[in-house]
C-alpha atoms as a PDB file:
ATOM      1  CA  MET A   1      -0.038  -0.021  -0.010  1.00  0.00           C
ATOM      2  CA  SER A   2       1.438   3.476  -1.026  1.00  0.00           C
ATOM      3  CA  LEU A   3       1.772   6.246   1.352  1.00  0.00           C
ATOM      4  CA  LYS A   4      -0.956   8.163  -0.404  1.00  0.00           C
ATOM      5  CA  ASP A   5      -3.547   4.998   0.086  1.00  0.00           C
ATOM      6  CA  ILE A   6      -2.377   4.974   3.747  1.00  0.00           C
ATOM      7  CA  LEU A   7      -2.834   8.670   4.624  1.00  0.00           C
ATOM      8  CA  TYR A   8      -6.067   9.238   2.542  1.00  0.00           C
ATOM      9  CA  THR A   9      -7.593   5.733   2.376  1.00  0.00           C
ATOM     10  CA  ASP A  10      -6.577   3.381   5.124  1.00  0.00           C
ATOM     11  CA  ARG A  11      -6.230   6.061   7.998  1.00  0.00           C
ATOM     12  CA  LEU A  12      -8.923   8.520   7.503  1.00  0.00           C
ATOM     13  CA  PRO A  13     -10.344  10.008  10.659  1.00  0.00           C
ATOM     14  CA  THR A  14     -13.648   8.705  12.009  1.00  0.00           C
ATOM     15  CA  THR A  15     -14.700  12.117  13.370  1.00  0.00           C
ATOM     16  CA  GLY A  16     -14.956  15.435  11.000  1.00  0.00           C
ATOM     17  CA  ASP A  17     -13.042  18.336  11.992  1.00  0.00           C
ATOM     18  CA  VAL A  18     -14.531  21.878  11.245  1.00  0.00           C
ATOM     19  CA  GLU A  19     -13.431  25.196  12.547  1.00  0.00           C
ATOM     20  CA  VAL A  20     -15.496  28.433  12.097  1.00  0.00           C
ATOM     21  CA  PHE A  21     -14.156  31.726  12.643  1.00  0.00           C
ATOM     22  CA  LEU A  22     -17.091  34.038  12.984  1.00  0.00           C
ATOM     23  CA  TRP A  23     -15.221  37.279  13.065  1.00  0.00           C
ATOM     24  CA  TYR A  24     -11.896  38.463  14.324  1.00  0.00           C
ATOM     25  CA  ARG A  25     -13.216  41.411  16.423  1.00  0.00           C
ATOM     26  CA  CYS A  26     -12.031  41.158  20.041  1.00  0.00           C
ATOM     27  CA  GLY A  27     -11.675  43.137  23.189  1.00  0.00           C
ATOM     28  CA  LEU A  28      -8.290  41.749  24.131  1.00  0.00           C
ATOM     29  CA  ASP A  29      -4.934  42.125  22.527  1.00  0.00           C
ATOM     30  CA  CYS A  30      -3.040  39.042  23.266  1.00  0.00           C
ATOM     31  CA  ASP A  31       0.540  39.284  22.607  1.00  0.00           C
ATOM     32  CA  PHE A  32       0.712  36.250  20.690  1.00  0.00           C
ATOM     33  CA  CYS A  33      -2.525  36.509  18.591  1.00  0.00           C
ATOM     34  CA  LYS A  34      -2.166  37.412  14.824  1.00  0.00           C
ATOM     35  CA  GLN A  35      -5.692  38.263  14.151  1.00  0.00           C
ATOM     36  CA  ASP A  36      -6.879  41.881  13.543  1.00  0.00           C
ATOM     37  CA  HIS A  37      -9.169  42.669  16.439  1.00  0.00           C
ATOM     38  CA  LYS A  38     -10.600  45.875  14.922  1.00  0.00           C
ATOM     39  CA  ASP A  39     -12.067  43.952  11.789  1.00  0.00           C
ATOM     40  CA  ASN A  40     -15.752  43.538  11.924  1.00  0.00           C
ATOM     41  CA  THR A  41     -15.974  41.377   8.752  1.00  0.00           C
ATOM     42  CA  GLY A  42     -18.463  38.741   9.467  1.00  0.00           C
ATOM     43  CA  MET A  43     -20.196  40.292  12.325  1.00  0.00           C
ATOM     44  CA  CYS A  44     -23.669  40.779  10.788  1.00  0.00           C
ATOM     45  CA  ILE A  45     -26.602  38.553  10.209  1.00  0.00           C
ATOM     46  CA  ASN A  46     -26.203  37.778   6.382  1.00  0.00           C
ATOM     47  CA  SER A  47     -22.733  36.523   7.200  1.00  0.00           C
ATOM     48  CA  LEU A  48     -24.097  34.242   9.771  1.00  0.00           C
ATOM     49  CA  GLU A  49     -26.806  32.911   7.419  1.00  0.00           C
ATOM     50  CA  LYS A  50     -24.090  32.006   4.896  1.00  0.00           C
ATOM     51  CA  LYS A  51     -21.986  30.323   7.375  1.00  0.00           C
ATOM     52  CA  GLU A  52     -25.206  28.558   8.360  1.00  0.00           C
ATOM     53  CA  GLU A  53     -25.563  27.306   4.732  1.00  0.00           C
ATOM     54  CA  LEU A  54     -22.105  26.225   4.612  1.00  0.00           C
ATOM     55  CA  LEU A  55     -22.171  24.081   7.661  1.00  0.00           C
ATOM     56  CA  ILE A  56     -25.498  22.491   6.455  1.00  0.00           C
ATOM     57  CA  ASP A  57     -23.941  21.589   3.188  1.00  0.00           C
ATOM     58  CA  TYR A  58     -21.070  20.075   5.243  1.00  0.00           C
ATOM     59  CA  PHE A  59     -23.311  17.746   7.250  1.00  0.00           C
ATOM     60  CA  GLN A  60     -25.369  16.588   4.341  1.00  0.00           C
ATOM     61  CA  ASN A  61     -22.377  15.846   2.373  1.00  0.00           C
ATOM     62  CA  THR A  62     -19.626  14.512   4.925  1.00  0.00           C
ATOM     63  CA  LYS A  63     -18.902  10.852   5.018  1.00  0.00           C
ATOM     64  CA  THR A  64     -18.177  10.882   8.770  1.00  0.00           C
ATOM     65  CA  GLU A  65     -21.019  10.158  11.206  1.00  0.00           C
ATOM     66  CA  ARG A  66     -19.750  12.692  13.897  1.00  0.00           C
ATOM     67  CA  SER A  67     -18.312  15.885  13.456  1.00  0.00           C
ATOM     68  CA  ILE A  68     -16.771  18.405  16.042  1.00  0.00           C
ATOM     69  CA  THR A  69     -17.446  22.052  15.242  1.00  0.00           C
ATOM     70  CA  THR A  70     -15.253  24.529  16.961  1.00  0.00           C
ATOM     71  CA  ILE A  71     -16.812  28.172  16.825  1.00  0.00           C
ATOM     72  CA  LEU A  72     -14.413  30.945  17.682  1.00  0.00           C
ATOM     73  CA  GLY A  73     -13.209  34.504  16.916  1.00  0.00           C
ATOM     74  CA  GLY A  74     -12.106  36.876  17.832  1.00  0.00           C
ATOM     75  CA  GLU A  75     -14.381  36.808  20.736  1.00  0.00           C
ATOM     76  CA  ILE A  76     -17.912  35.769  19.838  1.00  0.00           C
ATOM     77  CA  PHE A  77     -19.453  36.903  23.051  1.00  0.00           C
ATOM     78  CA  GLY A  78     -17.974  40.317  23.585  1.00  0.00           C
ATOM     79  CA  ASP A  79     -20.038  42.979  24.936  1.00  0.00           C
ATOM     80  CA  PHE A  80     -19.798  44.776  21.350  1.00  0.00           C
ATOM     81  CA  VAL A  81     -21.733  42.078  19.784  1.00  0.00           C
ATOM     82  CA  HIS A  82     -25.350  43.143  19.441  1.00  0.00           C
ATOM     83  CA  ASP A  83     -28.233  41.350  20.896  1.00  0.00           C
ATOM     84  CA  LYS A  84     -29.733  40.467  17.317  1.00  0.00           C
ATOM     85  CA  ILE A  85     -26.391  39.022  16.241  1.00  0.00           C
ATOM     86  CA  LEU A  86     -26.316  36.802  19.258  1.00  0.00           C
ATOM     87  CA  ASP A  87     -29.786  35.708  18.535  1.00  0.00           C
ATOM     88  CA  ARG A  88     -28.907  34.926  15.077  1.00  0.00           C
ATOM     89  CA  MET A  89     -25.868  32.893  16.212  1.00  0.00           C
ATOM     90  CA  HIS A  90     -28.201  30.834  18.481  1.00  0.00           C
ATOM     91  CA  ASN A  91     -30.350  30.147  15.683  1.00  0.00           C
ATOM     92  CA  LEU A  92     -27.395  28.775  13.628  1.00  0.00           C
ATOM     93  CA  PHE A  93     -26.607  26.265  16.185  1.00  0.00           C
ATOM     94  CA  LEU A  94     -30.416  25.115  16.291  1.00  0.00           C
ATOM     95  CA  ASN A  95     -30.850  24.945  12.600  1.00  0.00           C
ATOM     96  CA  VAL A  96     -27.426  23.136  11.920  1.00  0.00           C
ATOM     97  CA  ASN A  97     -28.139  20.742  14.630  1.00  0.00           C
ATOM     98  CA  THR A  98     -31.561  19.986  13.199  1.00  0.00           C
ATOM     99  CA  GLU A  99     -30.396  19.534   9.649  1.00  0.00           C
ATOM    100  CA  ALA A 100     -27.491  17.417  10.890  1.00  0.00           C
ATOM    101  CA  ARG A 101     -29.886  14.980  12.505  1.00  0.00           C
ATOM    102  CA  PHE A 102     -31.947  14.942   9.365  1.00  0.00           C
ATOM    103  CA  ALA A 103     -28.835  13.756   7.567  1.00  0.00           C
ATOM    104  CA  LYS A 104     -28.245  11.083  10.198  1.00  0.00           C
ATOM    105  CA  LYS A 105     -25.013  12.927  11.417  1.00  0.00           C
ATOM    106  CA  HIS A 106     -24.069  13.732  14.874  1.00  0.00           C
ATOM    107  CA  ALA A 107     -23.023  17.387  15.554  1.00  0.00           C
ATOM    108  CA  ASP A 108     -20.909  18.533  18.513  1.00  0.00           C
ATOM    109  CA  PHE A 109     -20.070  22.208  19.085  1.00  0.00           C
ATOM    110  CA  ASP A 110     -17.069  23.520  20.973  1.00  0.00           C
ATOM    111  CA  VAL A 111     -17.480  27.256  21.602  1.00  0.00           C
ATOM    112  CA  SER A 112     -14.335  29.096  22.435  1.00  0.00           C
ATOM    113  CA  THR A 113     -14.219  32.284  24.750  1.00  0.00           C
ATOM    114  CA  ASN A 114     -11.831  34.300  26.673  1.00  0.00           C
ATOM    115  CA  LEU A 115     -14.513  35.202  29.125  1.00  0.00           C
ATOM    116  CA  ILE A 116     -13.863  39.004  28.781  1.00  0.00           C
ATOM    117  CA  PHE A 117     -17.261  40.463  28.828  1.00  0.00           C
ATOM    118  CA  ASN A 118     -19.764  42.061  31.176  1.00  0.00           C
ATOM    119  CA  LYS A 119     -23.112  41.058  29.948  1.00  0.00           C
ATOM    120  CA  THR A 120     -22.800  37.535  31.419  1.00  0.00           C
ATOM    121  CA  GLU A 121     -26.401  36.819  31.885  1.00  0.00           C
ATOM    122  CA  ARG A 122     -27.119  36.706  28.111  1.00  0.00           C
ATOM    123  CA  ILE A 123     -24.336  34.156  27.741  1.00  0.00           C
ATOM    124  CA  ASP A 124     -25.455  31.943  30.321  1.00  0.00           C
ATOM    125  CA  LYS A 125     -29.262  31.987  28.899  1.00  0.00           C
ATOM    126  CA  PHE A 126     -27.534  31.271  25.428  1.00  0.00           C
ATOM    127  CA  PHE A 127     -26.069  28.022  26.661  1.00  0.00           C
ATOM    128  CA  SER A 128     -28.888  27.121  28.708  1.00  0.00           C
ATOM    129  CA  ASP A 129     -31.700  27.501  26.010  1.00  0.00           C
ATOM    130  CA  LEU A 130     -29.350  25.472  23.486  1.00  0.00           C
ATOM    131  CA  LYS A 131     -29.068  22.578  25.882  1.00  0.00           C
ATOM    132  CA  LEU A 132     -32.761  22.420  26.402  1.00  0.00           C
ATOM    133  CA  SER A 133     -33.138  22.302  22.889  1.00  0.00           C
ATOM    134  CA  ASP A 134     -30.786  19.349  22.884  1.00  0.00           C
ATOM    135  CA  VAL A 135     -27.980  20.812  21.050  1.00  0.00           C
ATOM    136  CA  ARG A 136     -24.462  19.513  22.055  1.00  0.00           C
ATOM    137  CA  ILE A 137     -22.539  22.282  23.050  1.00  0.00           C
ATOM    138  CA  LYS A 138     -19.676  23.032  25.120  1.00  0.00           C
ATOM    139  CA  LEU A 139     -18.000  26.315  26.344  1.00  0.00           C
ATOM    140  CA  CYS A 140     -14.143  26.105  26.166  1.00  0.00           C
ATOM    141  CA  VAL A 141     -12.286  28.689  28.033  1.00  0.00           C
ATOM    142  CA  SER A 142      -8.758  30.055  27.019  1.00  0.00           C
ATOM    143  CA  TYR A 143      -6.453  30.905  29.778  1.00  0.00           C
ATOM    144  CA  ASP A 144      -2.718  31.788  29.183  1.00  0.00           C
ATOM    145  CA  ILE A 145       0.201  32.205  31.704  1.00  0.00           C
ATOM    146  CA  ALA A 146       1.810  34.699  29.473  1.00  0.00           C
ATOM    147  CA  GLY A 147       0.784  37.130  26.911  1.00  0.00           C
ATOM    148  CA  ARG A 148      -3.015  37.348  27.476  1.00  0.00           C
ATOM    149  CA  PHE A 149      -4.074  40.002  30.025  1.00  0.00           C
ATOM    150  CA  THR A 150      -2.669  43.496  29.925  1.00  0.00           C
ATOM    151  CA  ASN A 151      -4.007  44.572  33.193  1.00  0.00           C
ATOM    152  CA  ASP A 152      -5.482  43.243  36.539  1.00  0.00           C
ATOM    153  CA  LYS A 153      -9.114  44.102  35.565  1.00  0.00           C
ATOM    154  CA  GLN A 154      -9.164  41.658  32.681  1.00  0.00           C
ATOM    155  CA  ARG A 155      -7.962  38.903  34.996  1.00  0.00           C
ATOM    156  CA  GLU A 156     -10.409  39.697  37.602  1.00  0.00           C
ATOM    157  CA  LEU A 157     -13.174  39.627  35.125  1.00  0.00           C
ATOM    158  CA  PHE A 158     -12.163  36.331  33.743  1.00  0.00           C
ATOM    159  CA  MET A 159     -12.098  35.005  37.242  1.00  0.00           C
ATOM    160  CA  LYS A 160     -15.384  36.527  37.939  1.00  0.00           C
ATOM    161  CA  ASN A 161     -17.106  34.812  34.884  1.00  0.00           C
ATOM    162  CA  GLU A 162     -15.432  31.519  35.294  1.00  0.00           C
ATOM    163  CA  LYS A 163     -17.388  31.274  38.522  1.00  0.00           C
ATOM    164  CA  LEU A 164     -20.701  32.536  36.850  1.00  0.00           C
ATOM    165  CA  LEU A 165     -20.608  30.249  33.908  1.00  0.00           C
ATOM    166  CA  GLU A 166     -18.754  27.178  35.554  1.00  0.00           C
ATOM    167  CA  LYS A 167     -21.899  24.897  34.736  1.00  0.00           C
ATOM    168  CA  HIS A 168     -21.402  25.524  31.032  1.00  0.00           C
ATOM    169  CA  ILE A 169     -17.461  25.196  31.139  1.00  0.00           C
ATOM    170  CA  SER A 170     -16.253  21.718  29.829  1.00  0.00           C
ATOM    171  CA  LEU A 171     -12.433  22.490  28.915  1.00  0.00           C
ATOM    172  CA  THR A 172      -9.762  25.047  29.700  1.00  0.00           C
ATOM    173  CA  SER A 173      -7.027  25.475  27.028  1.00  0.00           C
ATOM    174  CA  PHE A 174      -3.615  27.378  26.554  1.00  0.00           C
ATOM    175  CA  VAL A 175      -1.309  27.910  23.796  1.00  0.00           C
ATOM    176  CA  LEU A 176       2.130  26.803  23.809  1.00  0.00           C
ATOM    177  CA  THR A 177       3.714  29.940  22.597  1.00  0.00           C
ATOM    178  CA  LYS A 178       7.347  30.724  23.145  1.00  0.00           C
ATOM    179  CA  ASP A 179       6.719  33.080  26.147  1.00  0.00           C
ATOM    180  CA  THR A 180       4.603  30.430  27.736  1.00  0.00           C
ATOM    181  CA  ILE A 181       7.240  27.727  27.083  1.00  0.00           C
ATOM    182  CA  VAL A 182       9.948  30.312  28.620  1.00  0.00           C
ATOM    183  CA  LYS A 183       7.908  30.523  31.862  1.00  0.00           C
ATOM    184  CA  ILE A 184       7.406  26.733  32.000  1.00  0.00           C
ATOM    185  CA  LEU A 185      10.994  26.069  31.517  1.00  0.00           C
ATOM    186  CA  ARG A 186      11.798  28.557  34.291  1.00  0.00           C
ATOM    187  CA  GLY A 187       9.432  26.952  36.740  1.00  0.00           C
ATOM    188  CA  PHE A 188       6.356  29.145  36.574  1.00  0.00           C
ATOM    189  CA  ASP A 189       3.977  29.442  39.814  1.00  0.00           C
ATOM    190  CA  ASP A 190       0.447  30.300  38.806  1.00  0.00           C
ATOM    191  CA  PRO A 191      -2.201  29.186  41.444  1.00  0.00           C
ATOM    192  CA  TYR A 192      -5.059  29.980  39.362  1.00  0.00           C
ATOM    193  CA  PHE A 193      -3.864  27.794  36.508  1.00  0.00           C
ATOM    194  CA  ASP A 194      -3.434  24.935  39.223  1.00  0.00           C
ATOM    195  CA  TYR A 195      -7.179  25.669  40.077  1.00  0.00           C
ATOM    196  CA  LEU A 196      -8.448  25.534  36.463  1.00  0.00           C
ATOM    197  CA  TYR A 197      -6.397  22.259  36.120  1.00  0.00           C
ATOM    198  CA  SER A 198      -7.819  20.840  39.179  1.00  0.00           C
ATOM    199  CA  LYS A 199     -11.517  21.703  38.223  1.00  0.00           C
ATOM    200  CA  TYR A 200     -11.847  21.344  34.587  1.00  0.00           C
ATOM    201  CA  PRO A 201     -10.372  19.234  31.780  1.00  0.00           C
ATOM    202  CA  MET A 202      -7.599  21.007  30.158  1.00  0.00           C
ATOM    203  CA  SER A 203      -5.786  20.771  26.965  1.00  0.00           C
ATOM    204  CA  PHE A 204      -3.098  22.831  24.888  1.00  0.00           C
ATOM    205  CA  SER A 205      -2.682  24.058  21.538  1.00  0.00           C
ATOM    206  CA  GLN A 206       0.616  24.000  19.643  1.00  0.00           C
ATOM    207  CA  TYR A 207       1.257  27.593  18.251  1.00  0.00           C
ATOM    208  CA  ASN A 208      -0.246  27.725  14.725  1.00  0.00           C
ATOM    209  CA  ASP A 209       2.212  30.043  13.004  1.00  0.00           C
ATOM    210  CA  ASN A 210       0.336  30.072   9.581  1.00  0.00           C
ATOM    211  CA  GLU A 211       0.814  33.564   8.759  1.00  0.00           C
ATOM    212  CA  GLU A 212      -0.860  32.834   5.259  1.00  0.00           C
ATOM    213  CA  LEU A 213      -4.144  32.519   7.291  1.00  0.00           C
ATOM    214  CA  PHE A 214      -3.829  35.263   9.770  1.00  0.00           C
ATOM    215  CA  GLY A 215      -1.010  37.528   8.611  1.00  0.00           C
ATOM    216  CA  GLN A 216       1.240  39.704  11.186  1.00  0.00           C
ATOM    217  CA  PRO A 217       4.495  37.607  10.598  1.00  0.00           C
ATOM    218  CA  GLU A 218       6.216  39.846  13.129  1.00  0.00           C
ATOM    219  CA  LYS A 219       4.113  38.106  15.922  1.00  0.00           C
ATOM    220  CA  THR A 220       4.733  34.828  14.165  1.00  0.00           C
ATOM    221  CA  LEU A 221       8.405  35.065  14.448  1.00  0.00           C
ATOM    222  CA  LYS A 222       8.368  36.215  18.046  1.00  0.00           C
ATOM    223  CA  ASN A 223       6.244  33.694  19.406  1.00  0.00           C
ATOM    224  CA  ARG A 224       7.124  30.512  17.486  1.00  0.00           C
ATOM    225  CA  PRO A 225       9.058  28.238  19.865  1.00  0.00           C
ATOM    226  CA  ASN A 226      11.944  25.911  18.469  1.00  0.00           C
ATOM    227  CA  ASP A 227      11.581  22.147  18.607  1.00  0.00           C
ATOM    228  CA  LEU A 228      13.935  21.751  21.445  1.00  0.00           C
ATOM    229  CA  GLU A 229      11.958  24.437  23.628  1.00  0.00           C
ATOM    230  CA  PHE A 230       8.757  22.624  22.759  1.00  0.00           C
ATOM    231  CA  LEU A 231      10.170  19.170  23.784  1.00  0.00           C
ATOM    232  CA  ASN A 232      11.656  20.461  27.065  1.00  0.00           C
ATOM    233  CA  ALA A 233       8.275  22.353  27.984  1.00  0.00           C
ATOM    234  CA  ILE A 234       6.323  18.848  27.228  1.00  0.00           C
ATOM    235  CA  LYS A 235       8.512  16.758  29.485  1.00  0.00           C
ATOM    236  CA  ILE A 236       7.822  19.444  32.491  1.00  0.00           C
ATOM    237  CA  LEU A 237       4.162  19.476  31.700  1.00  0.00           C
ATOM    238  CA  SER A 238       4.003  15.524  31.624  1.00  0.00           C
ATOM    239  CA  ASP A 239       5.467  15.507  34.896  1.00  0.00           C
ATOM    240  CA  LYS A 240       3.634  18.319  36.690  1.00  0.00           C
ATOM    241  CA  TYR A 241       0.355  18.246  34.746  1.00  0.00           C
ATOM    242  CA  PRO A 242      -0.230  14.572  33.641  1.00  0.00           C
ATOM    243  CA  LYS A 243      -3.853  14.910  33.147  1.00  0.00           C
ATOM    244  CA  ILE A 244      -3.828  17.245  30.240  1.00  0.00           C
ATOM    245  CA  GLN A 245      -5.739  15.686  27.584  1.00  0.00           C
ATOM    246  CA  ASN A 246      -3.138  15.920  24.976  1.00  0.00           C
ATOM    247  CA  LEU A 247      -0.592  14.291  27.107  1.00  0.00           C
ATOM    248  CA  GLN A 248      -2.944  11.640  27.881  1.00  0.00           C
ATOM    249  CA  GLN A 249      -3.762  10.872  24.327  1.00  0.00           C
ATOM    250  CA  TRP A 250      -0.015  10.954  23.488  1.00  0.00           C
ATOM    251  CA  GLU A 251       0.597   8.525  26.155  1.00  0.00           C
ATOM    252  CA  ILE A 252      -2.035   6.201  24.547  1.00  0.00           C
ATOM    253  CA  GLN A 253      -0.330   6.427  21.224  1.00  0.00           C
ATOM    254  CA  ALA A 254       3.222   6.046  22.856  1.00  0.00           C
ATOM    255  CA  ASN A 255       2.333   2.820  24.214  1.00  0.00           C
ATOM    256  CA  LYS A 256       0.740   1.668  20.989  1.00  0.00           C
ATOM    257  CA  ILE A 257      -2.561   0.980  22.667  1.00  0.00           C
ATOM    258  CA  VAL A 258      -4.874   2.306  20.144  1.00  0.00           C
ATOM    259  CA  LYS A 259      -4.157   3.225  16.610  1.00  0.00           C
ATOM    260  CA  SER A 260      -4.356   6.689  15.537  1.00  0.00           C
ATOM    261  CA  PHE A 261      -4.604   8.479  12.023  1.00  0.00           C
ATOM    262  CA  ASN A 262      -2.104  10.220  10.248  1.00  0.00           C
ATOM    263  CA  SER A 263      -4.169  12.541   8.380  1.00  0.00           C
ATOM    264  CA  CYS A 264      -6.713  15.022   9.293  1.00  0.00           C
ATOM    265  CA  ALA A 265      -6.965  16.767   6.127  1.00  0.00           C
ATOM    266  CA  PRO A 266      -9.679  14.870   4.182  1.00  0.00           C
ATOM    267  CA  SER A 267     -12.278  15.733   6.811  1.00  0.00           C
ATOM    268  CA  LYS A 268     -10.835  19.270   7.879  1.00  0.00           C
ATOM    269  CA  LEU A 269     -13.049  22.256   6.956  1.00  0.00           C
ATOM    270  CA  VAL A 270     -12.127  25.854   7.753  1.00  0.00           C
ATOM    271  CA  ILE A 271     -14.647  28.714   7.355  1.00  0.00           C
ATOM    272  CA  LEU A 272     -13.424  32.238   7.597  1.00  0.00           C
ATOM    273  CA  PRO A 273     -15.115  35.407   8.708  1.00  0.00           C
ATOM    274  CA  ASP A 274     -15.558  36.499   4.911  1.00  0.00           C
ATOM    275  CA  ASN A 275     -17.147  33.012   4.423  1.00  0.00           C
ATOM    276  CA  THR A 276     -14.207  31.783   2.399  1.00  0.00           C
ATOM    277  CA  ASN A 277     -13.951  27.974   3.107  1.00  0.00           C
ATOM    278  CA  LEU A 278     -11.045  25.774   2.790  1.00  0.00           C
ATOM    279  CA  SER A 279      -9.723  22.420   3.640  1.00  0.00           C
ATOM    280  CA  CYS A 280      -6.444  21.877   5.662  1.00  0.00           C
ATOM    281  CA  THR A 281      -4.440  21.391   2.522  1.00  0.00           C
ATOM    282  CA  ASP A 282      -6.142  24.290   0.512  1.00  0.00           C
ATOM    283  CA  ASN A 283      -7.980  21.691  -1.498  1.00  0.00           C
ATOM    284  CA  SER A 284      -4.647  20.218  -2.884  1.00  0.00           C
ATOM    285  CA  SER A 285      -4.970  16.949  -4.609  1.00  0.00           C
ATOM    286  CA  CYS A 286      -3.057  14.111  -2.870  1.00  0.00           C
ATOM    287  CA  GLY A 287       0.471  13.937  -4.479  1.00  0.00           C
ATOM    288  CA  SER A 288       3.534  16.142  -4.659  1.00  0.00           C
ATOM    289  CA  GLY A 289       1.467  19.498  -3.594  1.00  0.00           C
ATOM    290  CA  CYS A 290      -0.171  17.698  -0.647  1.00  0.00           C
ATOM    291  CA  LEU A 291       0.977  18.882   2.932  1.00  0.00           C
ATOM    292  CA  ALA A 292       0.527  15.498   4.449  1.00  0.00           C
ATOM    293  CA  MET A 293       2.572  13.711   1.906  1.00  0.00           C
ATOM    294  CA  LYS A 294       5.249  16.375   2.056  1.00  0.00           C
ATOM    295  CA  LEU A 295       5.540  16.031   5.844  1.00  0.00           C
ATOM    296  CA  ALA A 296       5.629  12.174   5.585  1.00  0.00           C
ATOM    297  CA  ASP A 297       8.504  12.220   3.019  1.00  0.00           C
ATOM    298  CA  LYS A 298      10.354  14.868   4.973  1.00  0.00           C
ATOM    299  CA  ARG A 299      10.495  13.043   8.266  1.00  0.00           C
ATOM    300  CA  ASP A 300      10.499   9.521   6.805  1.00  0.00           C
ATOM    301  CA  CYS A 301       7.328   8.770   8.802  1.00  0.00           C
ATOM    302  CA  LEU A 302       6.842   5.152   7.252  1.00  0.00           C
ATOM    303  CA  SER A 303       9.913   3.929   8.902  1.00  0.00           C
ATOM    304  CA  CYS A 304       8.958   5.252  12.344  1.00  0.00           C
ATOM    305  CA  GLU A 305       7.822   2.758  15.068  1.00  0.00           C
ATOM    306  CA  TYR A 306       5.049   4.905  15.957  1.00  0.00           C
ATOM    307  CA  PHE A 307       3.684   5.651  12.414  1.00  0.00           C
ATOM    308  CA  GLY A 308       0.512   3.677  12.836  1.00  0.00           C
ATOM    309  CA  TYR A 309      -0.162   5.511  16.168  1.00  0.00           C
ATOM    310  CA  CYS A 310       1.007   9.135  15.630  1.00  0.00           C
ATOM    311  CA  GLN A 311      -1.215  12.097  15.201  1.00  0.00           C
ATOM    312  CA  VAL A 312       0.950  14.791  13.741  1.00  0.00           C
ATOM    313  CA  GLU A 313       0.585  18.401  14.478  1.00  0.00           C
ATOM    314  CA  CYS A 314      -0.741  21.165  12.196  1.00  0.00           C
ATOM    315  CA  PHE A 315       1.065  20.287   8.758  1.00  0.00           C
ATOM    316  CA  HIS A 316       1.746  24.006   8.063  1.00  0.00           C
ATOM    317  CA  THR A 317       3.471  24.316  11.337  1.00  0.00           C
ATOM    318  CA  ALA A 318       5.457  20.959  11.092  1.00  0.00           C
ATOM    319  CA  LEU A 319       6.596  21.685   7.715  1.00  0.00           C
ATOM    320  CA  LYS A 320       8.328  24.790   8.992  1.00  0.00           C
ATOM    321  CA  GLY A 321      10.363  22.726  11.603  1.00  0.00           C
ATOM    322  CA  THR A 322      13.349  20.487  11.143  1.00  0.00           C
ATOM    323  CA  SER A 323      13.300  17.149   9.583  1.00  0.00           C
ATOM    324  CA  GLN A 324      13.979  15.713  12.953  1.00  0.00           C
ATOM    325  CA  CYS A 325      10.448  14.714  14.435  1.00  0.00           C
ATOM    326  CA  VAL A 326       9.982  16.042  17.962  1.00  0.00           C
ATOM    327  CA  GLN A 327       6.816  14.057  18.328  1.00  0.00           C
ATOM    328  CA  LYS A 328       8.910  10.725  18.283  1.00  0.00           C
ATOM    329  CA  GLU A 329      10.915  12.114  21.131  1.00  0.00           C
ATOM    330  CA  ILE A 330       7.797  12.808  23.116  1.00  0.00           C
ATOM    331  CA  TYR A 331       6.599   9.453  22.804  1.00  0.00           C
ATOM    332  CA  ASP A 332       9.903   8.154  23.778  1.00  0.00           C
ATOM    333  CA  HIS A 333       9.815  10.337  26.929  1.00  0.00           C
ATOM    334  CA  LEU A 334       6.320   9.234  27.771  1.00  0.00           C
ATOM    335  CA  ARG A 335       7.121   5.642  27.310  1.00  0.00           C
ATOM    336  CA  GLU A 336      10.181   6.052  29.542  1.00  0.00           C
ATOM    337  CA  THR A 337       8.604   8.166  32.482  1.00  0.00           C
ATOM    338  CA  LEU A 338       4.831   7.190  32.732  1.00  0.00           C
ATOM    339  CA  PRO A 339       3.885   3.775  34.106  1.00  0.00           C
END
């Protein structure tokens, strides 16, 4: 079986992956974020209606029975979002969920927020009403130990809203930027991070430096960690915070317990604020132009003992690294240190 057949036939993901950026407008100015937070593109009823059409079309045509749709911004619950826009967003979830069921598909929604807003009651109602309508929706909260808050009031508002919305929160997450990794390597002490870790499931995202998608390359260069920094941070996190979801999944893969999949691209869809929609590989046909194929060739993945179990990171990010695979070193470490 060829590498192409393995990546795009034998190892297709069983769960679809959709990311929808409603708009980039946001009330924060995180040091690592590359979005233009003054951009209102997408923040209108017509744009939400178009996104609804795109999502319904996806669920009617996808071959995967279950798909996870991540909805994010910008900040989609900011006080600057008009009630009419929030109501239309509410209807988007209802309508997409209904059409997905008609198509005999399972739709799960993960909604990302930074919790920096004052109109908290309407957000509580938003989630409560959708759950009463049997929409499977989760609130995912972003908290970073470096580069997120610019003043104490933002941090205090985050903590206040975490308490008010705790019944809806299902996950906390952070981004492994260079500044965050530097803090980890220096032995950071953040009691509130420990509080969130003990209260909710937690995961991290690897820093996506796809400047073709977001722009602002100066922020990309500043916040991109190198492979060694990333590896050393993972070693520390695995010792101190072993229940982080990524690490638990990697432990399973490292011990070759459950087979994983080497390509997310065929079932990955990204919808941007202007309703441009693209696949992870920008609709490239599999072959010399395919990112998954390029990465597998660059790292000689077929010869790796973890090949049948490895879930590689974003192809865009991985291709900018070295030919040495940091993921293999992570698996080796987890097998050596974890029971």
